[in-house]
Amino acid sequence: MESGMGFRLVLSNFIFLLLHLPHPAITFNLDTKSPIIFDGIKNTYFGYSVGLQANSNNAR
């Protein structure tokens, strides 16, 4: 019975860590107050690359 309790303790600690560790999506910063919207050729990275360029010019 002690091995079952040890497994439950390890499992509960693992679940606790998964729930409390920061998720990658939390650190992704989207500017929702002043978005930059571009229109380009379909299936290209036009807006993404222009957005990166525009943000690097505004860096402080």
Protein backbone atom coordinates (compact mmCIF):
# COMPACT_ATOMS: atom_id res chain seq x y z
CA MET A 1 0.00 0.00 0.00
CA GLU A 2 2.88 2.39 0.65
CA SER A 3 4.00 2.26 -2.98
CA GLY A 4 0.51 3.32 -4.09
CA MET A 5 0.62 6.29 -1.75
CA GLY A 6 4.09 7.23 -3.00
CA PHE A 7 2.86 7.11 -6.58
CA ARG A 8 -0.10 9.35 -5.70
CA LEU A 9 2.23 11.81 -3.99
CA VAL A 10 4.54 11.96 -7.01
CA LEU A 11 1.57 12.28 -9.37
CA SER A 12 -0.04 15.06 -7.32
CA ASN A 13 3.27 16.95 -7.15
CA PHE A 14 3.70 16.58 -10.91
CA ILE A 15 0.18 17.88 -11.59
CA PHE A 16 0.76 20.76 -9.17
CA LEU A 17 3.95 21.76 -11.01
CA LEU A 18 2.25 21.54 -14.40
CA LEU A 19 -0.54 23.84 -13.25
CA HIS A 20 1.75 26.39 -11.63
CA LEU A 21 4.63 26.60 -14.07
CA PRO A 22 4.32 29.49 -16.53
CA HIS A 23 2.96 28.49 -19.89
CA PRO A 24 4.66 29.69 -23.11
CA ALA A 25 1.50 31.51 -24.18
CA ILE A 26 1.58 33.68 -21.08
CA THR A 27 4.85 35.28 -22.17
CA PHE A 28 3.65 35.99 -25.71
CA ASN A 29 2.98 39.73 -25.81
CA LEU A 30 0.25 40.90 -28.17
CA ASP A 31 -0.46 44.60 -28.50
CA THR A 32 -4.26 44.76 -28.42
CA LYS A 33 -4.53 48.51 -27.82
CA SER A 34 -2.79 49.65 -31.00
CA PRO A 35 -2.51 46.77 -33.48
CA ILE A 36 -0.64 47.15 -36.76
CA ILE A 37 -2.77 45.75 -39.58
CA PHE A 38 -1.26 45.14 -43.02
CA ASP A 39 -2.61 43.50 -46.15
CA GLY A 40 -0.38 41.56 -48.48
CA ILE A 41 -0.10 38.59 -50.81
CA LYS A 42 -1.97 35.49 -49.65
CA ASN A 43 0.10 32.69 -48.01
CA THR A 44 3.12 34.90 -47.28
CA TYR A 45 4.61 36.30 -44.10
CA PHE A 46 4.12 39.89 -45.29
CA GLY A 47 2.36 41.26 -42.19
CA TYR A 48 4.60 39.35 -39.81
CA SER A 49 7.84 40.63 -41.34
CA VAL A 50 6.54 44.21 -41.66
CA GLY A 51 5.30 44.08 -38.07
CA LEU A 52 8.73 43.00 -36.86
CA GLN A 53 10.37 45.81 -38.81
CA ALA A 54 7.88 48.40 -37.52
CA ASN A 55 8.32 47.27 -33.91
CA SER A 56 12.12 47.33 -34.12
CA ASN A 57 11.98 50.94 -35.36
CA ASN A 58 9.83 51.94 -32.38
CA ALA A 59 12.03 50.21 -29.80
CA ARG A 60 13.27 52.33 -26.93
